[in-house]
PDB file of N, CA and C in Angstrom:
ATOM      1  N   MET A   1     113.490 189.374  12.660  1.00  0.00           N
ATOM      2  CA  MET A   1     113.158 190.458  11.117  1.00  0.00           C
ATOM      3  C   MET A   1     112.946 189.678  10.386  1.00  0.00           C
ATOM      4  N   VAL A   2     113.602 188.189  10.473  1.00  0.00           N
ATOM      5  CA  VAL A   2     113.257 186.763   9.313  1.00  0.00           C
ATOM      6  C   VAL A   2     111.565 186.555   8.770  1.00  0.00           C
ATOM      7  N   ARG A   3     111.127 186.904   9.976  1.00  0.00           N
ATOM      8  CA  ARG A   3     109.554 186.466  10.042  1.00  0.00           C
ATOM      9  C   ARG A   3     109.170 188.080   9.674  1.00  0.00           C
ATOM     10  N   GLU A   4     109.774 189.210  10.197  1.00  0.00           N
ATOM     11  CA  GLU A   4     109.027 189.849   9.179  1.00  0.00           C
ATOM     12  C   GLU A   4     109.785 190.424   7.872  1.00  0.00           C
ATOM     13  N   ALA A   5     110.326 189.874   7.368  1.00  0.00           N
ATOM     14  CA  ALA A   5     110.787 190.254   5.982  1.00  0.00           C
ATOM     15  C   ALA A   5     109.923 189.372   4.884  1.00  0.00           C
ATOM     16  N   LYS A   6     109.088 188.399   5.519  1.00  0.00           N
ATOM     17  CA  LYS A   6     108.098 188.005   4.531  1.00  0.00           C
ATOM     18  C   LYS A   6     106.844 188.302   4.689  1.00  0.00           C
ATOM     19  N   HIS A   7     106.544 189.208   5.033  1.00  0.00           N
ATOM     20  CA  HIS A   7     105.865 190.340   4.683  1.00  0.00           C
ATOM     21  C   HIS A   7     106.216 191.767   4.296  1.00  0.00           C
ATOM     22  N   SER A   8     107.188 192.077   4.107  1.00  0.00           N
ATOM     23  CA  SER A   8     107.587 193.622   3.528  1.00  0.00           C
ATOM     24  C   SER A   8     107.322 194.000   2.489  1.00  0.00           C
ATOM     25  N   GLU A   9     107.426 195.430   1.865  1.00  0.00           N
ATOM     26  CA  GLU A   9     106.638 195.654   1.155  1.00  0.00           C
ATOM     27  C   GLU A   9     107.244 195.759  -0.238  1.00  0.00           C
ATOM     28  N   SER A  10     108.653 195.524  -0.272  1.00  0.00           N
ATOM     29  CA  SER A  10     108.867 195.307  -1.870  1.00  0.00           C
ATOM     30  C   SER A  10     109.991 193.857  -1.572  1.00  0.00           C
ATOM     31  N   LYS A  11     110.454 193.757  -3.229  1.00  0.00           N
ATOM     32  CA  LYS A  11     111.682 193.114  -2.832  1.00  0.00           C
ATOM     33  C   LYS A  11     112.856 193.963  -1.862  1.00  0.00           C
ATOM     34  N   SER A  12     112.744 195.294  -2.232  1.00  0.00           N
ATOM     35  CA  SER A  12     114.220 196.171  -1.478  1.00  0.00           C
ATOM     36  C   SER A  12     113.895 196.453   0.010  1.00  0.00           C
ATOM     37  N   ASP A  13     112.888 196.380   0.376  1.00  0.00           N
ATOM     38  CA  ASP A  13     112.564 196.078   1.915  1.00  0.00           C
ATOM     39  C   ASP A  13     113.024 194.528   2.651  1.00  0.00           C
ATOM     40  N   PHE A  14     112.558 194.009   1.727  1.00  0.00           N
ATOM     41  CA  PHE A  14     112.717 192.349   2.462  1.00  0.00           C
ATOM     42  C   PHE A  14     114.623 191.707   2.474  1.00  0.00           C
ATOM     43  N   ILE A  15     115.149 192.835   1.405  1.00  0.00           N
ATOM     44  CA  ILE A  15     116.643 192.558   1.455  1.00  0.00           C
ATOM     45  C   ILE A  15     117.277 193.140   2.256  1.00  0.00           C
ATOM     46  N   HIS A  16     116.250 194.295   2.736  1.00  0.00           N
ATOM     47  CA  HIS A  16     117.151 194.777   4.311  1.00  0.00           C
ATOM     48  C   HIS A  16     116.729 194.179   5.346  1.00  0.00           C
ATOM     49  N   LYS A  17     115.136 194.422   5.766  1.00  0.00           N
ATOM     50  CA  LYS A  17     114.756 193.202   6.828  1.00  0.00           C
ATOM     51  C   LYS A  17     116.320 192.123   6.709  1.00  0.00           C
ATOM     52  N   LEU A  18     116.299 191.725   5.925  1.00  0.00           N
ATOM     53  CA  LEU A  18     117.208 190.205   6.047  1.00  0.00           C
ATOM     54  C   LEU A  18     119.196 190.900   6.262  1.00  0.00           C
ATOM     55  N   ALA A  19     119.272 191.528   6.033  1.00  0.00           N
ATOM     56  CA  ALA A  19     120.251 192.770   5.895  1.00  0.00           C
ATOM     57  C   ALA A  19     120.249 192.791   7.685  1.00  0.00           C
ATOM     58  N   ILE A  20     119.495 192.984   7.976  1.00  0.00           N
ATOM     59  CA  ILE A  20     118.986 193.184   9.521  1.00  0.00           C
ATOM     60  C   ILE A  20     119.272 192.242  10.281  1.00  0.00           C
ATOM     61  N   ALA A  21     118.532 191.277   9.815  1.00  0.00           N
ATOM     62  CA  ALA A  21     118.685 189.305  10.956  1.00  0.00           C
ATOM     63  C   ALA A  21     120.004 188.971  10.207  1.00  0.00           C
ATOM     64  N   GLN A  22     120.992 189.223   8.835  1.00  0.00           N
ATOM     65  CA  GLN A  22     122.389 189.247   9.705  1.00  0.00           C
ATOM     66  C   GLN A  22     123.410 189.911  10.756  1.00  0.00           C
ATOM     67  N   LYS A  23     122.918 190.517  10.393  1.00  0.00           N
ATOM     68  CA  LYS A  23     123.769 191.467  11.582  1.00  0.00           C
ATOM     69  C   LYS A  23     123.323 191.207  13.239  1.00  0.00           C
ATOM     70  N   GLU A  24     122.339 190.620  13.005  1.00  0.00           N
ATOM     71  CA  GLU A  24     121.081 190.181  14.793  1.00  0.00           C
ATOM     72  C   GLU A  24     121.952 189.001  15.307  1.00  0.00           C
ATOM     73  N   ILE A  25     122.112 187.770  13.731  1.00  0.00           N
ATOM     74  CA  ILE A  25     122.530 186.581  13.971  1.00  0.00           C
ATOM     75  C   ILE A  25     124.790 186.765  14.379  1.00  0.00           C
ATOM     76  N   ASN A  26     124.857 187.322  13.228  1.00  0.00           N
ATOM     77  CA  ASN A  26     126.432 187.799  13.732  1.00  0.00           C
ATOM     78  C   ASN A  26     126.646 188.483  14.759  1.00  0.00           C
ATOM     79  N   GLU A  27     125.860 189.588  15.695  1.00  0.00           N
ATOM     80  CA  GLU A  27     126.160 189.927  17.357  1.00  0.00           C
ATOM     81  C   GLU A  27     125.545 188.813  17.965  1.00  0.00           C
ATOM     82  N   THR A  28     124.685 187.726  17.765  1.00  0.00           N
ATOM     83  CA  THR A  28     125.026 186.820  18.880  1.00  0.00           C
ATOM     84  C   THR A  28     125.880 185.285  18.654  1.00  0.00           C
ATOM     85  N   ILE A  29     126.267 185.704  17.691  1.00  0.00           N
ATOM     86  CA  ILE A  29     127.452 184.891  17.307  1.00  0.00           C
ATOM     87  C   ILE A  29     128.891 185.041  18.985  1.00  0.00           C
ATOM     88  N   TYR A  30     128.848 186.769  18.695  1.00  0.00           N
ATOM     89  CA  TYR A  30     129.833 187.878  19.405  1.00  0.00           C
ATOM     90  C   TYR A  30     129.335 187.316  20.657  1.00  0.00           C
ATOM     91  N   TRP A  31     127.729 187.238  21.118  1.00  0.00           N
ATOM     92  CA  TRP A  31     127.204 186.911  22.900  1.00  0.00           C
ATOM     93  C   TRP A  31     127.723 185.607  23.008  1.00  0.00           C
ATOM     94  N   LEU A  32     127.815 184.878  21.488  1.00  0.00           N
ATOM     95  CA  LEU A  32     128.087 183.287  22.600  1.00  0.00           C
ATOM     96  C   LEU A  32     129.545 183.471  22.661  1.00  0.00           C
ATOM     97  N   GLU A  33     130.701 183.677  22.287  1.00  0.00           N
ATOM     98  CA  GLU A  33     132.005 183.910  21.738  1.00  0.00           C
ATOM     99  C   GLU A  33     132.074 184.171  23.305  1.00  0.00           C
ATOM    100  N   LEU A  34     131.236 184.765  24.102  1.00  0.00           N
ATOM    101  CA  LEU A  34     132.002 185.514  25.136  1.00  0.00           C
ATOM    102  C   LEU A  34     131.193 184.665  26.340  1.00  0.00           C
ATOM    103  N   LEU A  35     130.366 183.748  26.147  1.00  0.00           N
ATOM    104  CA  LEU A  35     129.786 182.838  27.482  1.00  0.00           C
ATOM    105  C   LEU A  35     130.614 181.804  27.265  1.00  0.00           C
ATOM    106  N   PHE A  36     130.910 181.572  26.328  1.00  0.00           N
ATOM    107  CA  PHE A  36     132.300 180.438  25.443  1.00  0.00           C
ATOM    108  C   PHE A  36     133.255 180.848  26.684  1.00  0.00           C
ATOM    109  N   GLU A  37     133.762 182.175  26.575  1.00  0.00           N
ATOM    110  CA  GLU A  37     135.417 182.798  26.936  1.00  0.00           C
ATOM    111  C   GLU A  37     135.311 182.413  28.615  1.00  0.00           C
ATOM    112  N   THR A  38     134.011 182.779  29.162  1.00  0.00           N
ATOM    113  CA  THR A  38     133.254 183.088  30.420  1.00  0.00           C
ATOM    114  C   THR A  38     133.449 181.732  30.977  1.00  0.00           C
ATOM    115  N   SER A  39     133.030 180.517  30.868  1.00  0.00           N
ATOM    116  CA  SER A  39     133.378 179.604  30.857  1.00  0.00           C
ATOM    117  C   SER A  39     131.676 178.775  30.725  1.00  0.00           C
ATOM    118  N   TYR A  40     130.709 180.412  30.619  1.00  0.00           N
ATOM    119  CA  TYR A  40     129.025 179.781  31.076  1.00  0.00           C
ATOM    120  C   TYR A  40     128.583 178.639  29.466  1.00  0.00           C
ATOM    121  N   LEU A  41     129.019 178.541  28.431  1.00  0.00           N
ATOM    122  CA  LEU A  41     129.144 177.050  28.004  1.00  0.00           C
ATOM    123  C   LEU A  41     130.473 176.505  27.833  1.00  0.00           C
ATOM    124  N   THR A  42     130.138 174.943  27.835  1.00  0.00           N
ATOM    125  CA  THR A  42     131.121 173.923  27.060  1.00  0.00           C
ATOM    126  C   THR A  42     132.031 174.880  26.344  1.00  0.00           C
ATOM    127  N   LYS A  43     132.883 173.242  25.676  1.00  0.00           N
ATOM    128  CA  LYS A  43     132.965 174.080  24.086  1.00  0.00           C
ATOM    129  C   LYS A  43     132.228 172.890  23.770  1.00  0.00           C
ATOM    130  N   ASN A  44     131.726 172.350  23.647  1.00  0.00           N
ATOM    131  CA  ASN A  44     130.958 171.557  22.904  1.00  0.00           C
ATOM    132  C   ASN A  44     129.743 172.232  22.528  1.00  0.00           C
ATOM    133  N   GLN A  45     129.127 172.906  24.252  1.00  0.00           N
ATOM    134  CA  GLN A  45     127.542 174.038  23.446  1.00  0.00           C
ATOM    135  C   GLN A  45     127.881 174.489  22.433  1.00  0.00           C
ATOM    136  N   PHE A  46     129.499 175.588  23.187  1.00  0.00           N
ATOM    137  CA  PHE A  46     129.420 176.717  21.712  1.00  0.00           C
ATOM    138  C   PHE A  46     129.767 176.031  20.523  1.00  0.00           C
ATOM    139  N   GLU A  47     130.383 174.941  20.388  1.00  0.00           N
ATOM    140  CA  GLU A  47     130.715 174.968  18.886  1.00  0.00           C
ATOM    141  C   GLU A  47     128.944 174.843  18.424  1.00  0.00           C
ATOM    142  N   ASP A  48     128.443 173.618  19.010  1.00  0.00           N
ATOM    143  CA  ASP A  48     126.971 173.324  18.301  1.00  0.00           C
ATOM    144  C   ASP A  48     126.358 174.751  18.441  1.00  0.00           C
ATOM    145  N   ILE A  49     126.321 175.312  19.053  1.00  0.00           N
ATOM    146  CA  ILE A  49     124.997 176.761  19.039  1.00  0.00           C
ATOM    147  C   ILE A  49     125.970 177.430  17.569  1.00  0.00           C
ATOM    148  N   GLU A  50     127.120 177.484  17.384  1.00  0.00           N
ATOM    149  CA  GLU A  50     127.687 179.088  16.870  1.00  0.00           C
ATOM    150  C   GLU A  50     127.943 178.209  16.072  1.00  0.00           C
ATOM    151  N   ALA A  51     128.383 176.359  15.412  1.00  0.00           N
ATOM    152  CA  ALA A  51     127.826 175.677  14.065  1.00  0.00           C
ATOM    153  C   ALA A  51     126.732 176.048  13.440  1.00  0.00           C
ATOM    154  N   GLY A  52     125.085 176.081  14.093  1.00  0.00           N
ATOM    155  CA  GLY A  52     123.760 176.507  14.087  1.00  0.00           C
ATOM    156  C   GLY A  52     123.945 177.609  12.768  1.00  0.00           C
ATOM    157  N   ALA A  53     124.593 179.047  14.352  1.00  0.00           N
ATOM    158  CA  ALA A  53     123.961 180.513  13.873  1.00  0.00           C
ATOM    159  C   ALA A  53     124.733 180.539  12.336  1.00  0.00           C
ATOM    160  N   THR A  54     125.977 179.827  12.219  1.00  0.00           N
ATOM    161  CA  THR A  54     126.719 180.457  10.787  1.00  0.00           C
ATOM    162  C   THR A  54     126.253 179.551   9.567  1.00  0.00           C
ATOM    163  N   GLU A  55     125.506 178.617   9.794  1.00  0.00           N
ATOM    164  CA  GLU A  55     124.197 177.994   9.189  1.00  0.00           C
ATOM    165  C   GLU A  55     123.120 179.203   8.763  1.00  0.00           C
ATOM    166  N   ILE A  56     122.904 180.032   9.605  1.00  0.00           N
ATOM    167  CA  ILE A  56     122.300 180.394   9.556  1.00  0.00           C
ATOM    168  C   ILE A  56     122.381 181.769   8.532  1.00  0.00           C
ATOM    169  N   ILE A  57     123.682 182.265   8.595  1.00  0.00           N
ATOM    170  CA  ILE A  57     124.102 183.015   7.892  1.00  0.00           C
ATOM    171  C   ILE A  57     124.545 183.715   6.982  1.00  0.00           C
ATOM    172  N   LYS A  58     125.089 182.263   6.242  1.00  0.00           N
ATOM    173  CA  LYS A  58     124.916 181.282   4.973  1.00  0.00           C
ATOM    174  C   LYS A  58     123.867 181.453   4.214  1.00  0.00           C
ATOM    175  N   ILE A  59     122.504 180.740   4.954  1.00  0.00           N
ATOM    176  CA  ILE A  59     120.785 181.482   4.597  1.00  0.00           C
ATOM    177  C   ILE A  59     120.861 182.122   4.279  1.00  0.00           C
ATOM    178  N   LEU A  60     121.077 183.193   5.510  1.00  0.00           N
ATOM    179  CA  LEU A  60     120.637 184.048   4.759  1.00  0.00           C
ATOM    180  C   LEU A  60     120.967 184.929   3.517  1.00  0.00           C
ATOM    181  N   THR A  61     122.508 185.075   4.021  1.00  0.00           N
ATOM    182  CA  THR A  61     123.685 185.400   2.457  1.00  0.00           C
ATOM    183  C   THR A  61     122.711 184.652   1.413  1.00  0.00           C
ATOM    184  N   SER A  62     122.603 183.571   1.515  1.00  0.00           N
ATOM    185  CA  SER A  62     122.001 182.920   0.022  1.00  0.00           C
ATOM    186  C   SER A  62     120.870 183.470  -0.452  1.00  0.00           C
ATOM    187  N   ILE A  63     119.552 183.824   0.317  1.00  0.00           N
ATOM    188  CA  ILE A  63     118.716 184.418   0.135  1.00  0.00           C
ATOM    189  C   ILE A  63     118.616 185.768  -0.444  1.00  0.00           C
ATOM    190  N   ASN A  64     119.245 186.601   0.357  1.00  0.00           N
ATOM    191  CA  ASN A  64     119.746 188.239   0.275  1.00  0.00           C
ATOM    192  C   ASN A  64     120.365 188.792  -1.736  1.00  0.00           C
ATOM    193  N   LYS A  65     121.618 187.210  -1.995  1.00  0.00           N
ATOM    194  CA  LYS A  65     122.485 187.524  -2.694  1.00  0.00           C
ATOM    195  C   LYS A  65     120.782 187.091  -4.051  1.00  0.00           C
ATOM    196  N   THR A  66     120.108 186.335  -3.879  1.00  0.00           N
ATOM    197  CA  THR A  66     119.022 185.713  -5.314  1.00  0.00           C
ATOM    198  C   THR A  66     117.916 186.562  -4.921  1.00  0.00           C
ATOM    199  N   THR A  67     118.037 187.335  -3.931  1.00  0.00           N
ATOM    200  CA  THR A  67     117.339 188.484  -4.141  1.00  0.00           C
ATOM    201  C   THR A  67     117.551 189.377  -5.252  1.00  0.00           C
ATOM    202  N   LYS A  68     118.777 189.426  -4.658  1.00  0.00           N
ATOM    203  CA  LYS A  68     119.419 190.811  -4.944  1.00  0.00           C
ATOM    204  C   LYS A  68     119.253 191.461  -6.881  1.00  0.00           C
ATOM    205  N   LYS A  69     119.734 189.482  -7.285  1.00  0.00           N
ATOM    206  CA  LYS A  69     119.587 189.158  -8.582  1.00  0.00           C
ATOM    207  C   LYS A  69     118.299 189.588  -9.728  1.00  0.00           C
ATOM    208  N   SER A  70     117.773 188.511  -8.913  1.00  0.00           N
ATOM    209  CA  SER A  70     116.180 188.378  -9.304  1.00  0.00           C
ATOM    210  C   SER A  70     115.667 190.048  -9.277  1.00  0.00           C
ATOM    211  N   ILE A  71     116.450 191.584  -9.065  1.00  0.00           N
ATOM    212  CA  ILE A  71     115.776 192.544  -9.100  1.00  0.00           C
ATOM    213  C   ILE A  71     116.831 192.878 -10.200  1.00  0.00           C
ATOM    214  N   ASN A  72     118.004 192.901 -10.367  1.00  0.00           N
ATOM    215  CA  ASN A  72     119.068 193.311 -11.432  1.00  0.00           C
ATOM    216  C   ASN A  72     118.290 192.916 -12.834  1.00  0.00           C
ATOM    217  N   HIS A  73     117.623 191.295 -12.606  1.00  0.00           N
ATOM    218  CA  HIS A  73     117.443 191.415 -14.261  1.00  0.00           C
ATOM    219  C   HIS A  73     116.186 191.145 -14.137  1.00  0.00           C
TER     220      HIS A  73
END
Protein backbone atom coordinates (compact mmCIF):
# COMPACT_ATOMS: atom_id res chain seq x y z
CA MET A 1 0.00 0.00 0.00
CA VAL A 2 2.88 2.37 0.67
CA ARG A 3 4.19 1.83 -2.85
CA GLU A 4 0.69 2.36 -4.21
CA ALA A 5 0.36 5.55 -2.14
CA LYS A 6 3.43 6.95 -3.92
CA HIS A 7 1.34 7.02 -7.09
CA SER A 8 -1.89 8.21 -5.53
CA GLU A 9 -4.25 10.47 -7.44
CA SER A 10 -4.54 13.10 -4.70
CA LYS A 11 -3.44 13.88 -1.16
CA SER A 12 -6.71 12.41 0.11
CA ASP A 13 -6.04 9.21 -1.82
CA PHE A 14 -2.49 9.16 -0.42
CA ILE A 15 -3.81 9.48 3.14
CA HIS A 16 -6.37 6.74 2.53
CA LYS A 17 -3.76 4.33 1.17
CA LEU A 18 -1.41 4.99 4.08
CA ALA A 19 -4.29 4.41 6.51
CA ILE A 20 -4.82 1.01 4.90
CA ALA A 21 -1.08 0.32 5.25
CA GLN A 22 -1.37 1.13 8.97
CA LYS A 23 -4.19 -1.38 9.32
CA GLU A 24 -2.16 -4.00 7.47
CA ILE A 25 0.92 -3.59 9.67
CA ASN A 26 -1.35 -3.73 12.72
CA GLU A 27 -2.71 -7.05 11.45
CA THR A 28 0.85 -8.24 10.86
CA ILE A 29 1.63 -7.58 14.52
CA TYR A 30 -1.43 -9.64 15.49
CA TRP A 31 -0.13 -12.59 13.44
CA LEU A 32 3.34 -12.16 14.92
CA GLU A 33 1.80 -12.38 18.39
CA LEU A 34 0.06 -15.61 17.41
CA LEU A 35 3.29 -17.03 16.03
CA PHE A 36 5.05 -16.16 19.27
CA GLU A 37 2.27 -17.60 21.45
CA THR A 38 2.40 -20.87 19.52
CA SER A 39 6.21 -21.02 19.90
CA TYR A 40 6.83 -20.65 16.18
CA LEU A 41 8.92 -17.56 16.96
CA THR A 42 11.35 -17.23 19.83
CA LYS A 43 11.02 -14.29 22.18
CA ASN A 44 14.03 -12.60 20.57
CA GLN A 45 12.68 -13.14 17.05
CA PHE A 46 9.28 -11.78 18.04
CA GLU A 47 10.71 -8.74 19.81
CA ASP A 48 12.99 -7.87 16.89
CA ILE A 49 10.27 -8.15 14.25
CA GLU A 50 7.63 -6.49 16.43
CA ALA A 51 9.96 -3.56 17.12
CA GLY A 52 10.42 -3.05 13.39
CA ALA A 53 6.69 -3.26 12.77
CA THR A 54 6.01 -0.76 15.55
CA GLU A 55 8.54 1.62 14.00
CA ILE A 56 6.74 1.32 10.66
CA ILE A 57 3.44 2.23 12.34
CA LYS A 58 5.07 5.32 13.87
CA ILE A 59 6.49 6.39 10.51
CA LEU A 60 3.18 5.90 8.70
CA THR A 61 1.32 7.78 11.42
CA SER A 62 3.75 10.68 11.21
CA ILE A 63 3.50 10.87 7.42
CA ASN A 64 -0.29 10.78 7.60
CA LYS A 65 -0.46 13.55 10.22
CA THR A 66 1.93 15.75 8.25
CA THR A 67 -0.01 15.22 5.03
CA LYS A 68 -3.33 15.99 6.74
CA LYS A 69 -1.88 19.22 8.14
CA SER A 70 -0.71 20.27 4.68
CA ILE A 71 -4.23 19.80 3.33
CA ASN A 72 -5.75 21.94 6.08
CA HIS A 73 -3.34 24.84 5.56
